[in-house]
Amino acid sequence: RYVTAGDAIAMPDYEGEDAAYGAGQLSGYATLDAVRAAETWLGVPETSTPVGMLGYSGGAVATEFASELAPAYAPRLDIVGVAEGGIPVDLFHNLAYIDNPHSSWTGQIPSYLDGLARGFGIRDLSQYFTPKGIAVAKADQTQCSGTFTGLTTRQLFKPRYQIITNIPAFVRIFDELIMGRSGTPRGPLFIGNGLSDPIGDGVTVASDVQELAWAYCRRGV
């Protein structure tokens, strides 16, 4: 649809060569770099070429952080609008939401932790995992997260690490990845989130997304 309308499409590999799934700032920087690279290749002016960004779920991580980081990192880009949905605003809350064997999203636990470990230079996750956790983390290297169902942190982590706040490295990372803390978007945003139960869409928390929108409104976005 966009191509037939005459638009140019850039689809960045925002996780990088290490597949750093969920590493928000890295994904945002990569997205902005891709936009600038596309404009350079097309030979269009950076300051006057309108740019729209959109992403859902993992793509919302890249889109949201790109919008936050753009004013400082890529101030010359003319970002005219951003659309994002299924937004993991606060990983502390997302983890608590899916950490039950009845959730269909439990595969996100090893996928996110594995991707964040690569993105933030944590070299050895096995120190935190049970034998089952180690096996799942290894399998996650070659399989989709939907393969893993019925998982809980109780199964994956050693007893002293079953509460994520007992792992200082991940507390630091989760804090850094709370959306809205890396900057304030300049242009308008269209923010949406599903609601399949009283909390959210099964993995992202609707009240977090609503609060992010309110926070931006208070800042004049």
N, C-alpha and C. Protein backbone atom coordinates (compact mmCIF):
# COMPACT_ATOMS: atom_id res chain seq x y z
N ARG A 1 0.82 -1.20 0.00
CA ARG A 1 0.00 0.00 0.00
C ARG A 1 0.86 1.26 0.00
N TYR A 2 1.90 1.28 0.85
CA TYR A 2 2.75 2.46 0.90
C TYR A 2 3.54 2.64 -0.39
N VAL A 3 4.03 1.53 -0.92
CA VAL A 3 4.82 1.61 -2.15
C VAL A 3 3.95 2.10 -3.31
N THR A 4 2.74 1.56 -3.42
CA THR A 4 1.86 2.00 -4.51
C THR A 4 1.46 3.47 -4.35
N ALA A 5 1.53 3.98 -3.13
CA ALA A 5 1.24 5.40 -2.91
C ALA A 5 2.45 6.29 -3.21
N GLY A 6 3.58 5.64 -3.55
CA GLY A 6 4.76 6.41 -3.90
C GLY A 6 5.73 6.63 -2.77
N ASP A 7 5.49 5.98 -1.64
CA ASP A 7 6.39 6.14 -0.49
C ASP A 7 7.57 5.19 -0.59
N ALA A 8 8.68 5.58 0.01
CA ALA A 8 9.85 4.70 0.14
C ALA A 8 9.78 4.03 1.51
N ILE A 9 10.09 2.73 1.55
CA ILE A 9 9.98 1.96 2.78
C ILE A 9 11.37 1.52 3.23
N ALA A 10 11.69 1.78 4.49
CA ALA A 10 12.93 1.26 5.10
C ALA A 10 12.54 0.31 6.22
N MET A 11 13.05 -0.92 6.17
CA MET A 11 12.75 -1.92 7.20
C MET A 11 14.06 -2.32 7.87
N PRO A 12 14.47 -1.60 8.89
CA PRO A 12 15.79 -1.82 9.49
C PRO A 12 15.88 -3.12 10.28
N ASP A 13 17.06 -3.72 10.26
CA ASP A 13 17.36 -4.86 11.12
C ASP A 13 17.79 -4.29 12.47
N TYR A 14 16.80 -3.78 13.20
CA TYR A 14 17.11 -2.95 14.37
C TYR A 14 17.67 -3.75 15.56
N GLU A 15 17.59 -5.08 15.52
CA GLU A 15 18.18 -5.87 16.61
C GLU A 15 19.68 -6.05 16.44
N GLY A 16 20.20 -5.72 15.26
CA GLY A 16 21.63 -5.83 15.03
C GLY A 16 22.10 -7.24 14.79
N GLU A 17 23.38 -7.38 14.57
CA GLU A 17 23.97 -8.69 14.24
C GLU A 17 23.89 -9.68 15.39
N ASP A 18 23.73 -9.18 16.61
CA ASP A 18 23.65 -10.07 17.77
C ASP A 18 22.22 -10.46 18.13
N ALA A 19 21.24 -10.03 17.31
CA ALA A 19 19.83 -10.31 17.58
C ALA A 19 19.47 -9.90 19.01
N ALA A 20 19.71 -8.64 19.32
CA ALA A 20 19.49 -8.11 20.68
C ALA A 20 18.02 -7.74 20.84
N TYR A 21 17.18 -8.76 20.90
CA TYR A 21 15.73 -8.59 20.99
C TYR A 21 15.37 -7.83 22.26
N GLY A 22 14.63 -6.74 22.11
CA GLY A 22 14.15 -5.98 23.26
C GLY A 22 15.07 -4.88 23.74
N ALA A 23 16.27 -4.79 23.18
CA ALA A 23 17.21 -3.75 23.61
C ALA A 23 16.77 -2.41 23.01
N GLY A 24 16.00 -1.66 23.78
CA GLY A 24 15.25 -0.53 23.23
C GLY A 24 16.08 0.57 22.62
N GLN A 25 17.05 1.09 23.38
CA GLN A 25 17.83 2.19 22.85
C GLN A 25 18.63 1.76 21.62
N LEU A 26 19.23 0.59 21.67
CA LEU A 26 19.95 0.08 20.50
C LEU A 26 19.02 0.01 19.29
N SER A 27 17.81 -0.50 19.50
CA SER A 27 16.84 -0.61 18.41
C SER A 27 16.44 0.76 17.87
N GLY A 28 16.30 1.72 18.78
CA GLY A 28 15.94 3.07 18.36
C GLY A 28 17.03 3.72 17.54
N TYR A 29 18.26 3.61 17.99
CA TYR A 29 19.38 4.17 17.24
C TYR A 29 19.48 3.52 15.86
N ALA A 30 19.33 2.20 15.81
CA ALA A 30 19.43 1.49 14.53
C ALA A 30 18.33 1.93 13.57
N THR A 31 17.14 2.16 14.10
CA THR A 31 16.02 2.61 13.27
C THR A 31 16.30 3.99 12.68
N LEU A 32 16.77 4.89 13.50
CA LEU A 32 17.09 6.24 13.01
C LEU A 32 18.24 6.21 12.02
N ASP A 33 19.24 5.38 12.28
CA ASP A 33 20.35 5.24 11.32
C ASP A 33 19.85 4.73 9.98
N ALA A 34 18.89 3.80 10.03
CA ALA A 34 18.35 3.23 8.79
C ALA A 34 17.59 4.28 7.99
N VAL A 35 16.85 5.13 8.69
CA VAL A 35 16.12 6.20 7.99
C VAL A 35 17.11 7.15 7.32
N ARG A 36 18.14 7.54 8.04
CA ARG A 36 19.12 8.46 7.46
C ARG A 36 19.88 7.80 6.31
N ALA A 37 20.18 6.52 6.44
CA ALA A 37 20.86 5.81 5.36
C ALA A 37 19.97 5.74 4.11
N ALA A 38 18.68 5.49 4.30
CA ALA A 38 17.75 5.43 3.17
C ALA A 38 17.66 6.78 2.48
N GLU A 39 17.61 7.85 3.27
CA GLU A 39 17.53 9.18 2.67
C GLU A 39 18.81 9.52 1.91
N THR A 40 19.95 9.12 2.46
CA THR A 40 21.21 9.35 1.75
C THR A 40 21.24 8.60 0.44
N TRP A 41 20.81 7.33 0.47
CA TRP A 41 20.82 6.50 -0.74
C TRP A 41 19.87 7.07 -1.79
N LEU A 42 18.73 7.57 -1.35
CA LEU A 42 17.75 8.15 -2.27
C LEU A 42 18.15 9.54 -2.74
N GLY A 43 19.06 10.16 -2.02
CA GLY A 43 19.49 11.51 -2.40
C GLY A 43 18.47 12.58 -2.09
N VAL A 44 17.72 12.39 -1.01
CA VAL A 44 16.70 13.37 -0.64
C VAL A 44 17.17 14.16 0.57
N PRO A 45 16.70 15.39 0.72
CA PRO A 45 17.17 16.21 1.84
C PRO A 45 16.64 15.71 3.18
N GLU A 46 17.51 15.68 4.16
CA GLU A 46 17.15 15.14 5.47
C GLU A 46 16.15 16.03 6.20
N THR A 47 16.31 17.32 6.10
CA THR A 47 15.50 18.23 6.90
C THR A 47 14.09 18.44 6.37
N SER A 48 13.85 18.12 5.10
CA SER A 48 12.54 18.41 4.52
C SER A 48 11.82 17.20 3.94
N THR A 49 12.37 16.01 4.15
CA THR A 49 11.71 14.80 3.68
C THR A 49 10.86 14.22 4.81
N PRO A 50 9.54 14.19 4.66
CA PRO A 50 8.70 13.71 5.75
C PRO A 50 8.92 12.22 6.03
N VAL A 51 9.02 11.89 7.29
CA VAL A 51 9.26 10.51 7.74
C VAL A 51 8.15 10.09 8.67
N GLY A 52 7.57 8.93 8.41
CA GLY A 52 6.63 8.31 9.34
C GLY A 52 7.22 6.99 9.81
N MET A 53 7.00 6.65 11.06
CA MET A 53 7.52 5.38 11.60
C MET A 53 6.35 4.59 12.19
N LEU A 54 6.37 3.28 11.98
CA LEU A 54 5.34 2.46 12.59
C LEU A 54 5.91 1.11 12.98
N GLY A 55 5.39 0.56 14.07
CA GLY A 55 5.85 -0.74 14.54
C GLY A 55 4.89 -1.32 15.55
N TYR A 56 4.86 -2.64 15.62
CA TYR A 56 3.97 -3.33 16.55
C TYR A 56 4.76 -4.34 17.36
N SER A 57 4.47 -4.44 18.65
CA SER A 57 5.10 -5.41 19.54
C SER A 57 6.61 -5.18 19.57
N GLY A 58 7.40 -6.13 19.08
CA GLY A 58 8.84 -5.89 19.03
C GLY A 58 9.18 -4.68 18.18
N GLY A 59 8.40 -4.48 17.11
CA GLY A 59 8.60 -3.30 16.29
C GLY A 59 8.24 -2.02 17.01
N ALA A 60 7.31 -2.11 17.98
CA ALA A 60 6.96 -0.94 18.78
C ALA A 60 8.12 -0.53 19.68
N VAL A 61 8.94 -1.50 20.10
CA VAL A 61 10.13 -1.17 20.89
C VAL A 61 11.04 -0.26 20.08
N ALA A 62 11.33 -0.67 18.84
CA ALA A 62 12.20 0.13 17.98
C ALA A 62 11.58 1.47 17.66
N THR A 63 10.29 1.48 17.33
CA THR A 63 9.61 2.71 16.94
C THR A 63 9.54 3.70 18.10
N GLU A 64 9.15 3.20 19.26
CA GLU A 64 9.02 4.08 20.43
C GLU A 64 10.35 4.70 20.82
N PHE A 65 11.40 3.88 20.91
CA PHE A 65 12.69 4.43 21.32
C PHE A 65 13.27 5.34 20.24
N ALA A 66 13.01 5.03 18.98
CA ALA A 66 13.46 5.95 17.92
C ALA A 66 12.80 7.31 18.08
N SER A 67 11.51 7.31 18.41
CA SER A 67 10.81 8.59 18.57
C SER A 67 11.33 9.35 19.78
N GLU A 68 11.69 8.62 20.85
CA GLU A 68 12.23 9.27 22.05
C GLU A 68 13.63 9.85 21.80
N LEU A 69 14.43 9.11 21.07
CA LEU A 69 15.84 9.47 20.90
C LEU A 69 16.07 10.46 19.76
N ALA A 70 15.12 10.57 18.83
CA ALA A 70 15.34 11.38 17.63
C ALA A 70 15.68 12.84 17.91
N PRO A 71 15.01 13.52 18.85
CA PRO A 71 15.34 14.94 19.04
C PRO A 71 16.80 15.20 19.37
N ALA A 72 17.43 14.29 20.11
CA ALA A 72 18.84 14.48 20.46
C ALA A 72 19.78 13.79 19.47
N TYR A 73 19.38 12.61 18.97
CA TYR A 73 20.29 11.80 18.15
C TYR A 73 20.18 12.11 16.66
N ALA A 74 18.98 12.41 16.21
CA ALA A 74 18.77 12.68 14.78
C ALA A 74 17.88 13.90 14.62
N PRO A 75 18.32 15.07 15.11
CA PRO A 75 17.44 16.24 15.15
C PRO A 75 17.06 16.78 13.79
N ARG A 76 17.80 16.43 12.75
CA ARG A 76 17.50 16.96 11.42
C ARG A 76 16.39 16.19 10.71
N LEU A 77 16.07 15.00 11.18
CA LEU A 77 15.00 14.22 10.55
C LEU A 77 13.65 14.91 10.75
N ASP A 78 12.85 14.91 9.68
CA ASP A 78 11.52 15.51 9.73
C ASP A 78 10.50 14.40 10.01
N ILE A 79 10.42 13.98 11.27
CA ILE A 79 9.50 12.90 11.65
C ILE A 79 8.12 13.52 11.86
N VAL A 80 7.21 13.19 10.95
CA VAL A 80 5.90 13.84 10.96
C VAL A 80 4.86 13.04 11.73
N GLY A 81 5.15 11.79 12.04
CA GLY A 81 4.19 10.99 12.79
C GLY A 81 4.72 9.61 13.11
N VAL A 82 4.22 9.04 14.20
CA VAL A 82 4.63 7.71 14.66
C VAL A 82 3.38 6.93 15.03
N ALA A 83 3.31 5.67 14.60
CA ALA A 83 2.21 4.78 15.00
C ALA A 83 2.80 3.53 15.62
N GLU A 84 2.29 3.15 16.78
CA GLU A 84 2.84 1.98 17.48
C GLU A 84 1.76 1.29 18.28
N GLY A 85 1.87 -0.02 18.40
CA GLY A 85 0.88 -0.78 19.15
C GLY A 85 1.50 -1.99 19.81
N GLY A 86 0.81 -2.55 20.79
CA GLY A 86 1.35 -3.69 21.53
C GLY A 86 2.66 -3.32 22.20
N ILE A 87 2.62 -2.31 23.06
CA ILE A 87 3.84 -1.62 23.50
C ILE A 87 4.27 -2.11 24.89
N PRO A 88 5.45 -2.74 25.01
CA PRO A 88 5.95 -3.19 26.31
C PRO A 88 6.62 -2.04 27.07
N VAL A 89 5.80 -1.23 27.74
CA VAL A 89 6.29 0.00 28.36
C VAL A 89 7.22 -0.28 29.53
N ASP A 90 6.87 -1.27 30.36
CA ASP A 90 7.61 -1.54 31.60
C ASP A 90 7.78 -3.05 31.73
N LEU A 91 9.00 -3.53 31.53
CA LEU A 91 9.24 -4.97 31.52
C LEU A 91 9.00 -5.62 32.87
N PHE A 92 9.13 -4.88 33.96
CA PHE A 92 8.79 -5.44 35.27
C PHE A 92 7.33 -5.88 35.27
N HIS A 93 6.46 -5.04 34.75
CA HIS A 93 5.04 -5.35 34.73
C HIS A 93 4.71 -6.42 33.69
N ASN A 94 5.38 -6.37 32.53
CA ASN A 94 5.14 -7.38 31.50
C ASN A 94 5.52 -8.77 31.99
N LEU A 95 6.65 -8.87 32.67
CA LEU A 95 7.09 -10.17 33.18
C LEU A 95 6.11 -10.71 34.20
N ALA A 96 5.65 -9.86 35.11
CA ALA A 96 4.69 -10.31 36.12
C ALA A 96 3.39 -10.78 35.47
N TYR A 97 3.01 -10.15 34.38
CA TYR A 97 1.77 -10.46 33.66
C TYR A 97 1.82 -11.85 33.02
N ILE A 98 2.94 -12.18 32.39
CA ILE A 98 3.01 -13.45 31.65
C ILE A 98 3.58 -14.60 32.48
N ASP A 99 4.00 -14.33 33.70
CA ASP A 99 4.67 -15.34 34.51
C ASP A 99 3.66 -16.27 35.18
N ASN A 100 2.92 -17.00 34.36
CA ASN A 100 2.03 -18.03 34.88
C ASN A 100 1.85 -19.09 33.80
N PRO A 101 1.69 -20.34 34.18
CA PRO A 101 1.68 -21.43 33.19
C PRO A 101 0.51 -21.40 32.23
N HIS A 102 -0.51 -20.60 32.53
CA HIS A 102 -1.68 -20.53 31.65
C HIS A 102 -1.53 -19.48 30.57
N SER A 103 -0.51 -18.65 30.66
CA SER A 103 -0.28 -17.63 29.65
C SER A 103 0.22 -18.26 28.36
N SER A 104 -0.23 -17.74 27.24
CA SER A 104 0.26 -18.22 25.94
C SER A 104 1.53 -17.50 25.52
N TRP A 105 2.03 -16.62 26.39
CA TRP A 105 3.19 -15.79 26.05
C TRP A 105 4.41 -16.11 26.91
N THR A 106 4.42 -17.26 27.57
CA THR A 106 5.54 -17.55 28.46
C THR A 106 6.86 -17.70 27.70
N GLY A 107 6.80 -18.00 26.41
CA GLY A 107 8.02 -18.09 25.63
C GLY A 107 8.77 -16.77 25.52
N GLN A 108 8.05 -15.67 25.82
CA GLN A 108 8.71 -14.37 25.79
C GLN A 108 9.73 -14.21 26.92
N ILE A 109 9.57 -14.99 28.00
CA ILE A 109 10.51 -14.84 29.12
C ILE A 109 11.93 -15.19 28.69
N PRO A 110 12.20 -16.41 28.18
CA PRO A 110 13.57 -16.69 27.75
C PRO A 110 14.00 -15.86 26.56
N SER A 111 13.06 -15.56 25.64
CA SER A 111 13.44 -14.78 24.45
C SER A 111 13.91 -13.38 24.83
N TYR A 112 13.14 -12.73 25.69
CA TYR A 112 13.52 -11.38 26.10
C TYR A 112 14.82 -11.38 26.87
N LEU A 113 14.95 -12.26 27.86
CA LEU A 113 16.15 -12.27 28.68
C LEU A 113 17.38 -12.61 27.84
N ASP A 114 17.23 -13.52 26.90
CA ASP A 114 18.35 -13.89 26.04
C ASP A 114 18.75 -12.72 25.15
N GLY A 115 17.76 -12.05 24.55
CA GLY A 115 18.06 -10.90 23.70
C GLY A 115 18.68 -9.76 24.48
N LEU A 116 18.14 -9.49 25.67
CA LEU A 116 18.68 -8.40 26.48
C LEU A 116 20.09 -8.72 26.97
N ALA A 117 20.35 -9.98 27.27
CA ALA A 117 21.70 -10.36 27.68
C ALA A 117 22.70 -10.04 26.57
N ARG A 118 22.32 -10.32 25.32
CA ARG A 118 23.22 -9.99 24.20
C ARG A 118 23.34 -8.48 24.02
N GLY A 119 22.21 -7.79 24.14
CA GLY A 119 22.22 -6.36 23.91
C GLY A 119 22.96 -5.56 24.97
N PHE A 120 23.01 -6.10 26.19
CA PHE A 120 23.62 -5.37 27.28
C PHE A 120 24.89 -6.05 27.82
N GLY A 121 25.41 -7.01 27.08
CA GLY A 121 26.71 -7.57 27.40
C GLY A 121 26.75 -8.49 28.61
N ILE A 122 25.64 -9.15 28.93
CA ILE A 122 25.66 -10.17 29.98
C ILE A 122 26.11 -11.48 29.34
N ARG A 123 27.25 -11.94 29.71
CA ARG A 123 27.86 -13.07 28.98
C ARG A 123 27.37 -14.44 29.43
N ASP A 124 26.90 -14.55 30.65
CA ASP A 124 26.57 -15.89 31.15
C ASP A 124 25.26 -15.86 31.92
N LEU A 125 24.19 -16.29 31.28
CA LEU A 125 22.90 -16.38 31.95
C LEU A 125 22.76 -17.67 32.76
N SER A 126 23.59 -18.66 32.47
CA SER A 126 23.43 -19.97 33.11
C SER A 126 23.59 -19.89 34.62
N GLN A 127 24.28 -18.87 35.11
CA GLN A 127 24.46 -18.74 36.56
C GLN A 127 23.13 -18.52 37.27
N TYR A 128 22.13 -18.03 36.53
CA TYR A 128 20.82 -17.75 37.13
C TYR A 128 19.83 -18.88 36.91
N PHE A 129 20.08 -19.77 35.94
CA PHE A 129 19.08 -20.72 35.49
C PHE A 129 19.19 -22.09 36.15
N THR A 130 18.05 -22.75 36.24
CA THR A 130 18.00 -24.17 36.55
C THR A 130 18.43 -24.95 35.30
N PRO A 131 18.66 -26.27 35.42
CA PRO A 131 18.94 -27.05 34.21
C PRO A 131 17.87 -26.88 33.13
N LYS A 132 16.60 -26.80 33.53
CA LYS A 132 15.54 -26.58 32.55
C LYS A 132 15.69 -25.21 31.91
N GLY A 133 16.01 -24.22 32.70
CA GLY A 133 16.21 -22.88 32.17
C GLY A 133 17.35 -22.83 31.18
N ILE A 134 18.43 -23.52 31.48
CA ILE A 134 19.57 -23.56 30.57
C ILE A 134 19.17 -24.22 29.25
N ALA A 135 18.42 -25.32 29.34
CA ALA A 135 17.98 -26.03 28.13
C ALA A 135 17.06 -25.16 27.29
N VAL A 136 16.14 -24.44 27.93
CA VAL A 136 15.22 -23.58 27.18
C VAL A 136 15.98 -22.42 26.54
N ALA A 137 16.90 -21.80 27.28
CA ALA A 137 17.69 -20.70 26.74
C ALA A 137 18.50 -21.16 25.53
N LYS A 138 19.03 -22.36 25.59
CA LYS A 138 19.79 -22.89 24.46
C LYS A 138 18.87 -23.14 23.27
N ALA A 139 17.71 -23.72 23.52
CA ALA A 139 16.76 -23.99 22.43
C ALA A 139 16.25 -22.70 21.81
N ASP A 140 16.17 -21.65 22.61
CA ASP A 140 15.67 -20.37 22.13
C ASP A 140 16.57 -19.76 21.05
N GLN A 141 17.81 -20.23 21.00
CA GLN A 141 18.74 -19.72 19.99
C GLN A 141 18.30 -20.06 18.57
N THR A 142 17.53 -21.13 18.43
CA THR A 142 17.19 -21.61 17.08
C THR A 142 15.69 -21.79 16.86
N GLN A 143 14.87 -21.49 17.87
CA GLN A 143 13.43 -21.72 17.74
C GLN A 143 12.67 -20.43 18.05
N CYS A 144 11.44 -20.35 17.56
CA CYS A 144 10.58 -19.21 17.84
C CYS A 144 10.07 -19.28 19.28
N SER A 145 9.81 -18.11 19.87
CA SER A 145 9.40 -18.08 21.27
C SER A 145 8.07 -18.78 21.49
N GLY A 146 7.21 -18.82 20.46
CA GLY A 146 5.93 -19.49 20.60
C GLY A 146 6.04 -20.99 20.83
N THR A 147 7.24 -21.53 20.60
CA THR A 147 7.48 -22.96 20.82
C THR A 147 7.38 -23.31 22.29
N PHE A 148 7.71 -22.35 23.15
CA PHE A 148 7.82 -22.63 24.58
C PHE A 148 6.56 -22.17 25.30
N THR A 149 5.84 -23.11 25.88
CA THR A 149 4.60 -22.81 26.57
C THR A 149 4.66 -23.37 27.99
N GLY A 150 3.83 -22.81 28.86
CA GLY A 150 3.72 -23.32 30.23
C GLY A 150 4.92 -23.02 31.10
N LEU A 151 5.79 -22.10 30.68
CA LEU A 151 6.99 -21.79 31.46
C LEU A 151 6.67 -20.78 32.56
N THR A 152 7.42 -20.84 33.63
CA THR A 152 7.36 -19.83 34.68
C THR A 152 8.77 -19.55 35.17
N THR A 153 8.94 -18.42 35.84
CA THR A 153 10.27 -18.14 36.40
C THR A 153 10.64 -19.17 37.45
N ARG A 154 9.65 -19.77 38.10
CA ARG A 154 9.94 -20.83 39.08
C ARG A 154 10.63 -22.01 38.42
N GLN A 155 10.24 -22.32 37.19
CA GLN A 155 10.87 -23.43 36.47
C GLN A 155 12.23 -23.04 35.90
N LEU A 156 12.35 -21.79 35.48
CA LEU A 156 13.54 -21.38 34.73
C LEU A 156 14.69 -20.94 35.62
N PHE A 157 14.39 -20.33 36.77
CA PHE A 157 15.42 -19.71 37.58
C PHE A 157 15.69 -20.49 38.86
N LYS A 158 16.92 -20.42 39.31
CA LYS A 158 17.26 -20.95 40.63
C LYS A 158 16.45 -20.21 41.69
N PRO A 159 16.18 -20.86 42.83
CA PRO A 159 15.28 -20.25 43.82
C PRO A 159 15.62 -18.81 44.19
N ARG A 160 16.87 -18.48 44.37
CA ARG A 160 17.20 -17.12 44.83
C ARG A 160 17.05 -16.07 43.73
N TYR A 161 16.84 -16.52 42.48
CA TYR A 161 16.69 -15.57 41.37
C TYR A 161 15.28 -15.54 40.79
N GLN A 162 14.33 -16.21 41.43
CA GLN A 162 12.99 -16.30 40.86
C GLN A 162 12.24 -14.97 40.92
N ILE A 163 12.70 -14.06 41.74
CA ILE A 163 12.18 -12.69 41.75
C ILE A 163 13.20 -11.84 41.01
N ILE A 164 12.77 -11.20 39.92
CA ILE A 164 13.71 -10.52 39.03
C ILE A 164 14.50 -9.43 39.75
N THR A 165 13.92 -8.85 40.81
CA THR A 165 14.64 -7.81 41.55
C THR A 165 15.81 -8.36 42.36
N ASN A 166 15.96 -9.67 42.38
CA ASN A 166 17.12 -10.28 43.01
C ASN A 166 18.30 -10.42 42.05
N ILE A 167 18.12 -9.95 40.81
CA ILE A 167 19.19 -10.00 39.82
C ILE A 167 19.55 -8.56 39.45
N PRO A 168 20.54 -7.97 40.12
CA PRO A 168 20.85 -6.55 39.91
C PRO A 168 21.06 -6.17 38.45
N ALA A 169 21.69 -7.05 37.68
CA ALA A 169 21.97 -6.72 36.27
C ALA A 169 20.68 -6.49 35.50
N PHE A 170 19.68 -7.31 35.74
CA PHE A 170 18.42 -7.15 35.02
C PHE A 170 17.57 -6.03 35.59
N VAL A 171 17.70 -5.74 36.86
CA VAL A 171 17.01 -4.57 37.42
C VAL A 171 17.51 -3.30 36.71
N ARG A 172 18.82 -3.21 36.56
CA ARG A 172 19.39 -2.05 35.87
C ARG A 172 18.87 -1.95 34.44
N ILE A 173 18.85 -3.08 33.74
CA ILE A 173 18.40 -3.08 32.35
C ILE A 173 16.91 -2.75 32.26
N PHE A 174 16.08 -3.40 33.08
CA PHE A 174 14.64 -3.15 33.04
C PHE A 174 14.34 -1.68 33.35
N ASP A 175 15.07 -1.11 34.33
CA ASP A 175 14.87 0.31 34.65
C ASP A 175 15.20 1.19 33.45
N GLU A 176 16.30 0.87 32.79
CA GLU A 176 16.74 1.67 31.64
C GLU A 176 15.75 1.59 30.49
N LEU A 177 15.02 0.48 30.39
CA LEU A 177 14.12 0.25 29.26
C LEU A 177 12.68 0.70 29.51
N ILE A 178 12.40 1.30 30.66
CA ILE A 178 11.06 1.85 30.87
C ILE A 178 10.86 3.00 29.88
N MET A 179 9.83 2.90 29.09
CA MET A 179 9.64 3.86 28.00
C MET A 179 9.24 5.23 28.54
N GLY A 180 9.64 6.24 27.80
CA GLY A 180 9.37 7.61 28.19
C GLY A 180 10.51 8.26 28.94
N ARG A 181 11.56 7.50 29.27
CA ARG A 181 12.67 8.03 30.05
C ARG A 181 13.85 8.47 29.20
N SER A 182 13.85 8.09 27.93
CA SER A 182 15.02 8.39 27.09
C SER A 182 14.87 9.68 26.30
N GLY A 183 13.72 10.32 26.40
CA GLY A 183 13.50 11.55 25.67
C GLY A 183 12.02 11.76 25.40
N THR A 184 11.71 12.85 24.75
CA THR A 184 10.33 13.20 24.43
C THR A 184 10.19 13.36 22.92
N PRO A 185 9.30 12.60 22.29
CA PRO A 185 9.10 12.75 20.84
C PRO A 185 8.67 14.16 20.48
N ARG A 186 9.07 14.58 19.28
CA ARG A 186 8.67 15.91 18.80
C ARG A 186 7.32 15.88 18.10
N GLY A 187 7.12 14.86 17.27
CA GLY A 187 5.92 14.80 16.46
C GLY A 187 4.80 14.04 17.14
N PRO A 188 3.63 13.97 16.49
CA PRO A 188 2.48 13.28 17.07
C PRO A 188 2.65 11.76 17.03
N LEU A 189 2.00 11.09 17.98
CA LEU A 189 2.01 9.64 18.05
C LEU A 189 0.58 9.10 18.03
N PHE A 190 0.42 7.98 17.34
CA PHE A 190 -0.80 7.19 17.43
C PHE A 190 -0.43 5.94 18.23
N ILE A 191 -0.99 5.80 19.42
CA ILE A 191 -0.62 4.72 20.33
C ILE A 191 -1.82 3.83 20.56
N GLY A 192 -1.67 2.53 20.32
CA GLY A 192 -2.78 1.61 20.51
C GLY A 192 -2.36 0.35 21.24
N ASN A 193 -3.32 -0.30 21.90
CA ASN A 193 -3.01 -1.55 22.60
C ASN A 193 -4.25 -2.41 22.69
N GLY A 194 -4.09 -3.70 22.50
CA GLY A 194 -5.20 -4.63 22.61
C GLY A 194 -5.62 -4.85 24.05
N LEU A 195 -6.83 -5.35 24.23
CA LEU A 195 -7.35 -5.65 25.56
C LEU A 195 -8.14 -6.95 25.48
N SER A 196 -7.45 -8.05 25.74
CA SER A 196 -8.09 -9.36 25.67
C SER A 196 -8.49 -9.87 27.06
N ASP A 197 -8.08 -9.16 28.10
CA ASP A 197 -8.47 -9.47 29.47
C ASP A 197 -8.40 -8.16 30.26
N PRO A 198 -8.72 -8.17 31.55
CA PRO A 198 -8.73 -6.90 32.28
C PRO A 198 -7.37 -6.20 32.36
N ILE A 199 -6.27 -6.89 32.04
CA ILE A 199 -4.94 -6.29 32.17
C ILE A 199 -4.42 -5.74 30.84
N GLY A 200 -4.55 -6.53 29.79
CA GLY A 200 -3.99 -6.10 28.51
C GLY A 200 -4.24 -7.09 27.41
N ASP A 201 -3.28 -7.21 26.50
CA ASP A 201 -3.46 -8.06 25.32
C ASP A 201 -2.86 -9.44 25.50
N GLY A 202 -2.48 -9.78 26.72
CA GLY A 202 -1.85 -11.07 26.99
C GLY A 202 -0.39 -10.94 27.32
N VAL A 203 0.24 -9.85 26.88
CA VAL A 203 1.65 -9.65 27.17
C VAL A 203 1.98 -8.20 27.54
N THR A 204 1.32 -7.24 26.90
CA THR A 204 1.55 -5.84 27.25
C THR A 204 0.40 -5.31 28.10
N VAL A 205 0.74 -4.39 29.01
CA VAL A 205 -0.19 -3.94 30.03
C VAL A 205 -0.84 -2.63 29.59
N ALA A 206 -2.16 -2.64 29.43
CA ALA A 206 -2.87 -1.49 28.86
C ALA A 206 -2.71 -0.23 29.71
N SER A 207 -2.73 -0.36 31.03
CA SER A 207 -2.60 0.82 31.88
C SER A 207 -1.24 1.47 31.73
N ASP A 208 -0.19 0.67 31.47
CA ASP A 208 1.15 1.23 31.22
C ASP A 208 1.15 2.06 29.94
N VAL A 209 0.50 1.52 28.91
CA VAL A 209 0.45 2.21 27.63
C VAL A 209 -0.34 3.51 27.77
N GLN A 210 -1.43 3.45 28.51
CA GLN A 210 -2.24 4.64 28.75
C GLN A 210 -1.43 5.70 29.50
N GLU A 211 -0.68 5.27 30.49
CA GLU A 211 0.13 6.22 31.27
C GLU A 211 1.23 6.83 30.41
N LEU A 212 1.81 6.04 29.51
CA LEU A 212 2.81 6.60 28.59
C LEU A 212 2.20 7.70 27.74
N ALA A 213 0.99 7.44 27.24
CA ALA A 213 0.31 8.46 26.43
C ALA A 213 0.03 9.71 27.26
N TRP A 214 -0.45 9.52 28.47
CA TRP A 214 -0.72 10.67 29.34
C TRP A 214 0.55 11.45 29.64
N ALA A 215 1.64 10.72 29.90
CA ALA A 215 2.92 11.39 30.20
C ALA A 215 3.35 12.26 29.04
N TYR A 216 3.22 11.74 27.82
CA TYR A 216 3.59 12.54 26.65
C TYR A 216 2.67 13.73 26.48
N CYS A 217 1.38 13.54 26.75
CA CYS A 217 0.46 14.67 26.66
C CYS A 217 0.84 15.77 27.64
N ARG A 218 1.24 15.38 28.85
CA ARG A 218 1.65 16.36 29.84
C ARG A 218 2.89 17.11 29.41
N ARG A 219 3.72 16.48 28.57
CA ARG A 219 4.94 17.13 28.07
C ARG A 219 4.67 17.93 26.79
N GLY A 220 3.43 17.93 26.36
CA GLY A 220 3.08 18.72 25.19
C GLY A 220 3.15 18.00 23.87
N VAL A 221 3.32 16.66 23.88
CA VAL A 221 3.36 15.90 22.62
C VAL A 221 1.95 15.85 22.06
